[in-house]
Amino acid sequence: MDPAIVAAAAAGLAGAGAAMWFRRRARLAEAVVADLRRKVLAERIAARQDSLTGLLNRRAFYELGAVILADPTRRPLAAVMLDIDGFARTNEKYGQIVADEVLVAIGRRLADYAGGNLVARLGGDEFVALFTATTARGAPYPDADEISRLLGAPIWVSGRVVRVTVSVGVTGVDRTADLSRALRRAEAVMRRVKILQRRSARAHSFPAARLAEQPALATQEIHAGAGHPATGPVYCRSRVASRRRRRTG
């Protein structure tokens, strides 16, 4: 065979091999970049996600809440804060694994009730929500009694039933309030109700629009419900579920 033809064929094969090598390296580089992007995205999500419940964490809640509050076109909002009554005793009685499952169940139920609204676990047994739209059931504003009933339903964990109650604070958020202030008001109501009724308590507020129209009525309800004007335009309503009260009622 002509040596020139052999040389040309060898050069062609070498060129094809080089091209294939470069294509493989390019695909490998693309895979590495895609993997890095996935890791960066996962890290960003993890930085804003509660590792136990999968809800937003405190940082993400405040960041997204600030964006929502800055929107001049938003409708009146409602802020919700709740915690589990006597959760430390639940932890001691059943252990950390069961207690963690209770937190997961409470977070899931609150998220289901909230629908597309903002829900987060602040830490420990404290959860918050910012309602900018209707609830998953179509209600215009969150109802603390309904939240308490849903979250207080029996929780099945490892073949056993765990029962907890929650204390809930709900307050309207007007257009001039910031998120921290609104949550402080909701927390103040929740804490006051927890002190007054250790067994089972609910805290409510008027819708923000109604609060703006009837501030005097809201103040009256504060005193009637054993609230305090410092907590803002909110009122309390509690219902005790203890057997003793039912017998003497």
C-alpha atoms as a PDB file:
ATOM      1  CA  MET A   1       0.000   0.000   0.000  1.00  0.00           C
ATOM      2  CA  ASP A   2       1.150   3.485  -0.745  1.00  0.00           C
ATOM      3  CA  PRO A   3       2.883   4.876   2.367  1.00  0.00           C
ATOM      4  CA  ALA A   4       1.293   8.267   1.730  1.00  0.00           C
ATOM      5  CA  ILE A   5      -2.192   6.740   1.877  1.00  0.00           C
ATOM      6  CA  VAL A   6      -1.329   4.941   5.109  1.00  0.00           C
ATOM      7  CA  ALA A   7      -0.013   8.161   6.621  1.00  0.00           C
ATOM      8  CA  ALA A   8      -3.129  10.071   5.599  1.00  0.00           C
ATOM      9  CA  ALA A   9      -5.391   7.389   7.067  1.00  0.00           C
ATOM     10  CA  ALA A  10      -3.441   7.407  10.312  1.00  0.00           C
ATOM     11  CA  ALA A  11      -3.681  11.177  10.509  1.00  0.00           C
ATOM     12  CA  GLY A  12      -7.421  11.012   9.926  1.00  0.00           C
ATOM     13  CA  LEU A  13      -7.887   8.438  12.660  1.00  0.00           C
ATOM     14  CA  ALA A  14      -5.775  10.521  14.989  1.00  0.00           C
ATOM     15  CA  GLY A  15      -7.881  13.579  14.222  1.00  0.00           C
ATOM     16  CA  ALA A  16     -11.119  11.695  14.814  1.00  0.00           C
ATOM     17  CA  GLY A  17      -9.759  10.329  18.064  1.00  0.00           C
ATOM     18  CA  ALA A  18      -8.769  13.780  19.230  1.00  0.00           C
ATOM     19  CA  ALA A  19     -12.198  15.167  18.377  1.00  0.00           C
ATOM     20  CA  MET A  20     -13.862  12.335  20.294  1.00  0.00           C
ATOM     21  CA  TRP A  21     -11.566  12.957  23.248  1.00  0.00           C
ATOM     22  CA  PHE A  22     -12.443  16.647  23.301  1.00  0.00           C
ATOM     23  CA  ARG A  23     -16.174  15.860  23.094  1.00  0.00           C
ATOM     24  CA  ARG A  24     -15.882  13.492  26.026  1.00  0.00           C
ATOM     25  CA  ARG A  25     -13.977  16.068  28.053  1.00  0.00           C
ATOM     26  CA  ALA A  26     -16.597  18.691  27.212  1.00  0.00           C
ATOM     27  CA  ARG A  27     -19.428  16.416  28.350  1.00  0.00           C
ATOM     28  CA  LEU A  28     -17.524  15.665  31.541  1.00  0.00           C
ATOM     29  CA  ALA A  29     -17.011  19.381  32.186  1.00  0.00           C
ATOM     30  CA  GLU A  30     -20.715  20.052  31.602  1.00  0.00           C
ATOM     31  CA  ALA A  31     -21.612  17.308  34.072  1.00  0.00           C
ATOM     32  CA  VAL A  32     -19.249  18.784  36.661  1.00  0.00           C
ATOM     33  CA  VAL A  33     -20.745  22.267  36.207  1.00  0.00           C
ATOM     34  CA  ALA A  34     -24.293  20.891  36.446  1.00  0.00           C
ATOM     35  CA  ASP A  35     -23.378  19.013  39.612  1.00  0.00           C
ATOM     36  CA  LEU A  36     -21.872  22.165  41.122  1.00  0.00           C
ATOM     37  CA  ARG A  37     -25.013  24.108  40.278  1.00  0.00           C
ATOM     38  CA  ARG A  38     -27.169  21.469  41.945  1.00  0.00           C
ATOM     39  CA  LYS A  39     -24.975  21.578  45.029  1.00  0.00           C
ATOM     40  CA  VAL A  40     -25.110  25.376  45.186  1.00  0.00           C
ATOM     41  CA  LEU A  41     -28.890  25.290  44.802  1.00  0.00           C
ATOM     42  CA  ALA A  42     -29.162  22.605  47.469  1.00  0.00           C
ATOM     43  CA  GLU A  43     -26.994  24.667  49.813  1.00  0.00           C
ATOM     44  CA  ARG A  44     -29.135  27.745  49.208  1.00  0.00           C
ATOM     45  CA  ILE A  45     -32.289  25.770  49.916  1.00  0.00           C
ATOM     46  CA  ALA A  46     -30.747  24.192  53.003  1.00  0.00           C
ATOM     47  CA  ALA A  47     -29.758  27.623  54.288  1.00  0.00           C
ATOM     48  CA  ARG A  48     -33.423  28.651  54.197  1.00  0.00           C
ATOM     49  CA  GLN A  49     -35.064  25.375  55.162  1.00  0.00           C
ATOM     50  CA  ASP A  50     -35.695  23.878  58.576  1.00  0.00           C
ATOM     51  CA  SER A  51     -33.841  20.579  58.487  1.00  0.00           C
ATOM     52  CA  LEU A  52     -36.404  18.712  60.602  1.00  0.00           C
ATOM     53  CA  THR A  53     -39.791  19.795  59.234  1.00  0.00           C
ATOM     54  CA  GLY A  54     -38.829  20.951  55.747  1.00  0.00           C
ATOM     55  CA  LEU A  55     -40.565  24.288  56.358  1.00  0.00           C
ATOM     56  CA  LEU A  56     -38.895  27.639  55.939  1.00  0.00           C
ATOM     57  CA  ASN A  57     -36.533  28.567  58.741  1.00  0.00           C
ATOM     58  CA  ARG A  58     -36.452  31.850  60.653  1.00  0.00           C
ATOM     59  CA  ARG A  59     -34.065  33.543  58.238  1.00  0.00           C
ATOM     60  CA  ALA A  60     -36.073  32.697  55.138  1.00  0.00           C
ATOM     61  CA  PHE A  61     -39.371  33.641  56.785  1.00  0.00           C
ATOM     62  CA  TYR A  62     -38.165  37.120  57.656  1.00  0.00           C
ATOM     63  CA  GLU A  63     -36.558  37.627  54.252  1.00  0.00           C
ATOM     64  CA  LEU A  64     -39.641  36.598  52.283  1.00  0.00           C
ATOM     65  CA  GLY A  65     -41.989  38.282  54.733  1.00  0.00           C
ATOM     66  CA  ALA A  66     -40.178  41.590  54.289  1.00  0.00           C
ATOM     67  CA  VAL A  67     -40.606  41.311  50.522  1.00  0.00           C
ATOM     68  CA  ILE A  68     -44.331  40.664  50.924  1.00  0.00           C
ATOM     69  CA  LEU A  69     -44.811  43.565  53.320  1.00  0.00           C
ATOM     70  CA  ALA A  70     -42.986  45.898  50.950  1.00  0.00           C
ATOM     71  CA  ASP A  71     -45.539  45.240  48.199  1.00  0.00           C
ATOM     72  CA  PRO A  72     -47.882  48.274  48.115  1.00  0.00           C
ATOM     73  CA  THR A  73     -50.584  46.295  46.314  1.00  0.00           C
ATOM     74  CA  ARG A  74     -50.921  43.568  48.924  1.00  0.00           C
ATOM     75  CA  ARG A  75     -54.193  42.869  50.679  1.00  0.00           C
ATOM     76  CA  PRO A  76     -54.531  43.075  54.480  1.00  0.00           C
ATOM     77  CA  LEU A  77     -52.520  40.344  56.121  1.00  0.00           C
ATOM     78  CA  ALA A  78     -52.710  38.209  59.234  1.00  0.00           C
ATOM     79  CA  ALA A  79     -49.792  36.879  61.270  1.00  0.00           C
ATOM     80  CA  VAL A  80     -50.011  33.639  63.248  1.00  0.00           C
ATOM     81  CA  MET A  81     -47.703  32.398  65.967  1.00  0.00           C
ATOM     82  CA  LEU A  82     -48.136  29.174  67.911  1.00  0.00           C
ATOM     83  CA  ASP A  83     -46.286  26.749  70.089  1.00  0.00           C
ATOM     84  CA  ILE A  84     -46.983  23.354  71.622  1.00  0.00           C
ATOM     85  CA  ASP A  85     -48.188  23.397  75.217  1.00  0.00           C
ATOM     86  CA  GLY A  86     -45.839  21.578  77.574  1.00  0.00           C
ATOM     87  CA  PHE A  87     -43.645  20.295  74.769  1.00  0.00           C
ATOM     88  CA  ALA A  88     -40.737  19.711  77.143  1.00  0.00           C
ATOM     89  CA  ARG A  89     -42.880  17.169  78.999  1.00  0.00           C
ATOM     90  CA  THR A  90     -43.733  15.475  75.704  1.00  0.00           C
ATOM     91  CA  ASN A  91     -40.022  15.199  74.991  1.00  0.00           C
ATOM     92  CA  GLU A  92     -39.313  13.757  78.430  1.00  0.00           C
ATOM     93  CA  LYS A  93     -42.211  11.287  78.286  1.00  0.00           C
ATOM     94  CA  TYR A  94     -41.738   9.879  74.788  1.00  0.00           C
ATOM     95  CA  GLY A  95     -38.137  10.717  73.919  1.00  0.00           C
ATOM     96  CA  GLN A  96     -36.559  12.916  71.283  1.00  0.00           C
ATOM     97  CA  ILE A  97     -37.394  10.734  68.276  1.00  0.00           C
ATOM     98  CA  VAL A  98     -41.119  10.795  69.015  1.00  0.00           C
ATOM     99  CA  ALA A  99     -40.967  14.484  69.926  1.00  0.00           C
ATOM    100  CA  ASP A 100     -39.339  15.235  66.581  1.00  0.00           C
ATOM    101  CA  GLU A 101     -42.114  13.355  64.791  1.00  0.00           C
ATOM    102  CA  VAL A 102     -44.656  15.466  66.665  1.00  0.00           C
ATOM    103  CA  LEU A 103     -42.939  18.623  65.426  1.00  0.00           C
ATOM    104  CA  VAL A 104     -42.982  17.289  61.870  1.00  0.00           C
ATOM    105  CA  ALA A 105     -46.693  16.478  62.133  1.00  0.00           C
ATOM    106  CA  ILE A 106     -47.548  19.894  63.566  1.00  0.00           C
ATOM    107  CA  GLY A 107     -45.566  21.636  60.836  1.00  0.00           C
ATOM    108  CA  ARG A 108     -47.215  19.564  58.113  1.00  0.00           C
ATOM    109  CA  ARG A 109     -50.706  20.231  59.446  1.00  0.00           C
ATOM    110  CA  LEU A 110     -50.074  23.963  59.712  1.00  0.00           C
ATOM    111  CA  ALA A 111     -48.697  24.030  56.165  1.00  0.00           C
ATOM    112  CA  ASP A 112     -51.724  22.093  54.896  1.00  0.00           C
ATOM    113  CA  TYR A 113     -54.058  24.579  56.564  1.00  0.00           C
ATOM    114  CA  ALA A 114     -52.119  27.586  55.289  1.00  0.00           C
ATOM    115  CA  GLY A 115     -52.136  26.439  51.678  1.00  0.00           C
ATOM    116  CA  GLY A 116     -49.885  28.718  49.649  1.00  0.00           C
ATOM    117  CA  ASN A 117     -49.214  31.120  52.504  1.00  0.00           C
ATOM    118  CA  LEU A 118     -45.862  31.584  54.205  1.00  0.00           C
ATOM    119  CA  VAL A 119     -45.174  29.054  57.001  1.00  0.00           C
ATOM    120  CA  ALA A 120     -41.999  28.540  59.013  1.00  0.00           C
ATOM    121  CA  ARG A 121     -40.587  26.925  62.102  1.00  0.00           C
ATOM    122  CA  LEU A 122     -38.798  29.561  64.134  1.00  0.00           C
ATOM    123  CA  GLY A 123     -37.088  26.984  66.304  1.00  0.00           C
ATOM    124  CA  GLY A 124     -37.966  24.568  69.076  1.00  0.00           C
ATOM    125  CA  ASP A 125     -41.741  24.141  69.113  1.00  0.00           C
ATOM    126  CA  GLU A 126     -42.539  27.621  67.753  1.00  0.00           C
ATOM    127  CA  PHE A 127     -44.183  28.012  64.346  1.00  0.00           C
ATOM    128  CA  VAL A 128     -45.301  31.104  62.450  1.00  0.00           C
ATOM    129  CA  ALA A 129     -47.349  31.878  59.368  1.00  0.00           C
ATOM    130  CA  LEU A 130     -48.054  34.981  57.319  1.00  0.00           C
ATOM    131  CA  PHE A 131     -51.361  34.878  55.492  1.00  0.00           C
ATOM    132  CA  THR A 132     -51.541  36.949  52.323  1.00  0.00           C
ATOM    133  CA  ALA A 133     -54.253  34.891  50.652  1.00  0.00           C
ATOM    134  CA  THR A 134     -57.097  32.622  51.640  1.00  0.00           C
ATOM    135  CA  THR A 135     -56.455  29.473  53.631  1.00  0.00           C
ATOM    136  CA  ALA A 136     -56.425  26.059  51.975  1.00  0.00           C
ATOM    137  CA  ARG A 137     -60.125  25.785  52.878  1.00  0.00           C
ATOM    138  CA  GLY A 138     -60.982  29.108  51.275  1.00  0.00           C
ATOM    139  CA  ALA A 139     -61.370  31.147  54.465  1.00  0.00           C
ATOM    140  CA  PRO A 140     -60.340  34.805  54.025  1.00  0.00           C
ATOM    141  CA  TYR A 141     -58.462  34.881  57.338  1.00  0.00           C
ATOM    142  CA  PRO A 142     -56.920  32.246  59.615  1.00  0.00           C
ATOM    143  CA  ASP A 143     -59.073  31.028  62.496  1.00  0.00           C
ATOM    144  CA  ALA A 144     -57.208  30.126  65.671  1.00  0.00           C
ATOM    145  CA  ASP A 145     -59.909  27.734  66.880  1.00  0.00           C
ATOM    146  CA  GLU A 146     -59.707  25.787  63.637  1.00  0.00           C
ATOM    147  CA  ILE A 147     -55.916  25.762  63.733  1.00  0.00           C
ATOM    148  CA  SER A 148     -56.003  24.460  67.296  1.00  0.00           C
ATOM    149  CA  ARG A 149     -58.438  21.691  66.399  1.00  0.00           C
ATOM    150  CA  LEU A 150     -56.449  20.578  63.381  1.00  0.00           C
ATOM    151  CA  LEU A 151     -53.097  20.614  65.132  1.00  0.00           C
ATOM    152  CA  GLY A 152     -54.516  19.051  68.296  1.00  0.00           C
ATOM    153  CA  ALA A 153     -55.820  15.941  66.544  1.00  0.00           C
ATOM    154  CA  PRO A 154     -54.157  12.672  67.665  1.00  0.00           C
ATOM    155  CA  ILE A 155     -50.734  12.043  66.162  1.00  0.00           C
ATOM    156  CA  TRP A 156     -49.699   8.464  65.386  1.00  0.00           C
ATOM    157  CA  VAL A 157     -46.000   7.869  65.982  1.00  0.00           C
ATOM    158  CA  SER A 158     -44.403   4.405  65.944  1.00  0.00           C
ATOM    159  CA  GLY A 159     -47.664   2.648  66.708  1.00  0.00           C
ATOM    160  CA  ARG A 160     -48.670   4.935  69.564  1.00  0.00           C
ATOM    161  CA  VAL A 161     -50.975   7.928  69.845  1.00  0.00           C
ATOM    162  CA  VAL A 162     -49.548  11.228  71.047  1.00  0.00           C
ATOM    163  CA  ARG A 163     -51.878  14.066  71.951  1.00  0.00           C
ATOM    164  CA  VAL A 164     -50.777  17.672  72.279  1.00  0.00           C
ATOM    165  CA  THR A 165     -52.491  21.037  72.448  1.00  0.00           C
ATOM    166  CA  VAL A 166     -51.240  24.297  71.002  1.00  0.00           C
ATOM    167  CA  SER A 167     -51.548  27.939  71.973  1.00  0.00           C
ATOM    168  CA  VAL A 168     -52.245  30.170  68.987  1.00  0.00           C
ATOM    169  CA  GLY A 169     -51.910  33.917  68.531  1.00  0.00           C
ATOM    170  CA  VAL A 170     -53.419  35.642  65.485  1.00  0.00           C
ATOM    171  CA  THR A 171     -53.218  39.336  64.702  1.00  0.00           C
ATOM    172  CA  GLY A 172     -54.053  41.574  61.781  1.00  0.00           C
ATOM    173  CA  VAL A 173     -51.155  43.222  59.964  1.00  0.00           C
ATOM    174  CA  ASP A 174     -51.922  46.691  58.677  1.00  0.00           C
ATOM    175  CA  ARG A 175     -50.073  48.349  55.835  1.00  0.00           C
ATOM    176  CA  THR A 176     -47.767  50.331  58.111  1.00  0.00           C
ATOM    177  CA  ALA A 177     -46.627  47.469  60.335  1.00  0.00           C
ATOM    178  CA  ASP A 178     -43.391  45.559  59.908  1.00  0.00           C
ATOM    179  CA  LEU A 179     -43.135  41.813  60.296  1.00  0.00           C
ATOM    180  CA  SER A 180     -41.245  41.835  63.589  1.00  0.00           C
ATOM    181  CA  ARG A 181     -43.835  44.076  65.192  1.00  0.00           C
ATOM    182  CA  ALA A 182     -46.715  41.941  63.943  1.00  0.00           C
ATOM    183  CA  LEU A 183     -45.111  38.764  65.261  1.00  0.00           C
ATOM    184  CA  ARG A 184     -44.427  40.376  68.630  1.00  0.00           C
ATOM    185  CA  ARG A 185     -48.103  41.213  68.893  1.00  0.00           C
ATOM    186  CA  ALA A 186     -49.147  37.683  67.967  1.00  0.00           C
ATOM    187  CA  GLU A 187     -46.639  36.249  70.424  1.00  0.00           C
ATOM    188  CA  ALA A 188     -47.836  38.541  73.230  1.00  0.00           C
ATOM    189  CA  VAL A 189     -51.386  37.288  72.779  1.00  0.00           C
ATOM    190  CA  MET A 190     -50.234  33.686  72.630  1.00  0.00           C
ATOM    191  CA  ARG A 191     -48.181  34.025  75.823  1.00  0.00           C
ATOM    192  CA  ARG A 192     -50.985  35.741  77.708  1.00  0.00           C
ATOM    193  CA  VAL A 193     -53.491  33.073  76.742  1.00  0.00           C
ATOM    194  CA  LYS A 194     -51.001  30.353  77.685  1.00  0.00           C
ATOM    195  CA  ILE A 195     -50.692  31.851  81.153  1.00  0.00           C
ATOM    196  CA  LEU A 196     -54.439  32.202  81.623  1.00  0.00           C
ATOM    197  CA  GLN A 197     -55.388  28.784  80.305  1.00  0.00           C
ATOM    198  CA  ARG A 198     -52.676  26.169  80.553  1.00  0.00           C
ATOM    199  CA  ARG A 199     -54.819  23.341  79.251  1.00  0.00           C
ATOM    200  CA  SER A 200     -56.148  24.577  75.914  1.00  0.00           C
ATOM    201  CA  ALA A 201     -56.272  28.132  74.609  1.00  0.00           C
ATOM    202  CA  ARG A 202     -56.871  30.101  71.456  1.00  0.00           C
ATOM    203  CA  ALA A 203     -56.111  33.727  70.608  1.00  0.00           C
ATOM    204  CA  HIS A 204     -57.831  35.674  67.862  1.00  0.00           C
ATOM    205  CA  SER A 205     -57.787  38.993  66.132  1.00  0.00           C
ATOM    206  CA  PHE A 206     -60.149  40.914  63.944  1.00  0.00           C
ATOM    207  CA  PRO A 207     -59.279  41.029  60.235  1.00  0.00           C
ATOM    208  CA  ALA A 208     -56.961  43.941  59.565  1.00  0.00           C
ATOM    209  CA  ALA A 209     -59.595  45.762  57.518  1.00  0.00           C
ATOM    210  CA  ARG A 210     -62.088  45.578  60.372  1.00  0.00           C
ATOM    211  CA  LEU A 211     -59.460  46.684  62.857  1.00  0.00           C
ATOM    212  CA  ALA A 212     -58.861  49.833  60.859  1.00  0.00           C
ATOM    213  CA  GLU A 213     -62.582  50.569  60.830  1.00  0.00           C
ATOM    214  CA  GLN A 214     -63.360  49.777  64.480  1.00  0.00           C
ATOM    215  CA  PRO A 215     -60.306  50.330  66.696  1.00  0.00           C
ATOM    216  CA  ALA A 216     -62.498  51.187  69.709  1.00  0.00           C
ATOM    217  CA  LEU A 217     -64.302  47.852  69.472  1.00  0.00           C
ATOM    218  CA  ALA A 218     -60.989  46.051  69.235  1.00  0.00           C
ATOM    219  CA  THR A 219     -59.750  47.778  72.391  1.00  0.00           C
ATOM    220  CA  GLN A 220     -62.939  46.803  74.203  1.00  0.00           C
ATOM    221  CA  GLU A 221     -62.466  43.179  73.206  1.00  0.00           C
ATOM    222  CA  ILE A 222     -58.897  43.267  74.495  1.00  0.00           C
ATOM    223  CA  HIS A 223     -60.067  44.009  78.010  1.00  0.00           C
ATOM    224  CA  ALA A 224     -62.990  41.597  77.778  1.00  0.00           C
ATOM    225  CA  GLY A 225     -60.628  38.826  76.732  1.00  0.00           C
ATOM    226  CA  ALA A 226     -57.997  39.601  79.365  1.00  0.00           C
ATOM    227  CA  GLY A 227     -55.604  40.869  76.757  1.00  0.00           C
ATOM    228  CA  HIS A 228     -53.573  44.044  76.986  1.00  0.00           C
ATOM    229  CA  PRO A 229     -53.582  47.185  74.813  1.00  0.00           C
ATOM    230  CA  ALA A 230     -49.833  46.904  74.424  1.00  0.00           C
ATOM    231  CA  THR A 231     -50.282  43.828  72.295  1.00  0.00           C
ATOM    232  CA  GLY A 232     -52.047  45.851  69.610  1.00  0.00           C
ATOM    233  CA  PRO A 233     -55.530  45.501  68.148  1.00  0.00           C
ATOM    234  CA  VAL A 234     -56.135  41.914  69.120  1.00  0.00           C
ATOM    235  CA  TYR A 235     -58.445  40.033  71.397  1.00  0.00           C
ATOM    236  CA  CYS A 236     -58.408  36.681  73.154  1.00  0.00           C
ATOM    237  CA  ARG A 237     -60.885  33.887  73.396  1.00  0.00           C
ATOM    238  CA  SER A 238     -60.100  30.738  75.314  1.00  0.00           C
ATOM    239  CA  ARG A 239     -61.791  27.428  75.835  1.00  0.00           C
ATOM    240  CA  VAL A 240     -60.683  24.982  78.510  1.00  0.00           C
ATOM    241  CA  ALA A 241     -61.015  21.287  77.750  1.00  0.00           C
ATOM    242  CA  SER A 242     -60.239  19.893  81.193  1.00  0.00           C
ATOM    243  CA  ARG A 243     -62.555  17.271  82.648  1.00  0.00           C
ATOM    244  CA  ARG A 244     -62.810  19.149  85.903  1.00  0.00           C
ATOM    245  CA  ARG A 245     -64.413  22.168  84.286  1.00  0.00           C
ATOM    246  CA  ARG A 246     -66.853  20.026  82.329  1.00  0.00           C
ATOM    247  CA  ARG A 247     -68.046  18.437  85.576  1.00  0.00           C
ATOM    248  CA  THR A 248     -68.454  21.726  87.375  1.00  0.00           C
ATOM    249  CA  GLY A 249     -69.643  23.752  84.344  1.00  0.00           C
END
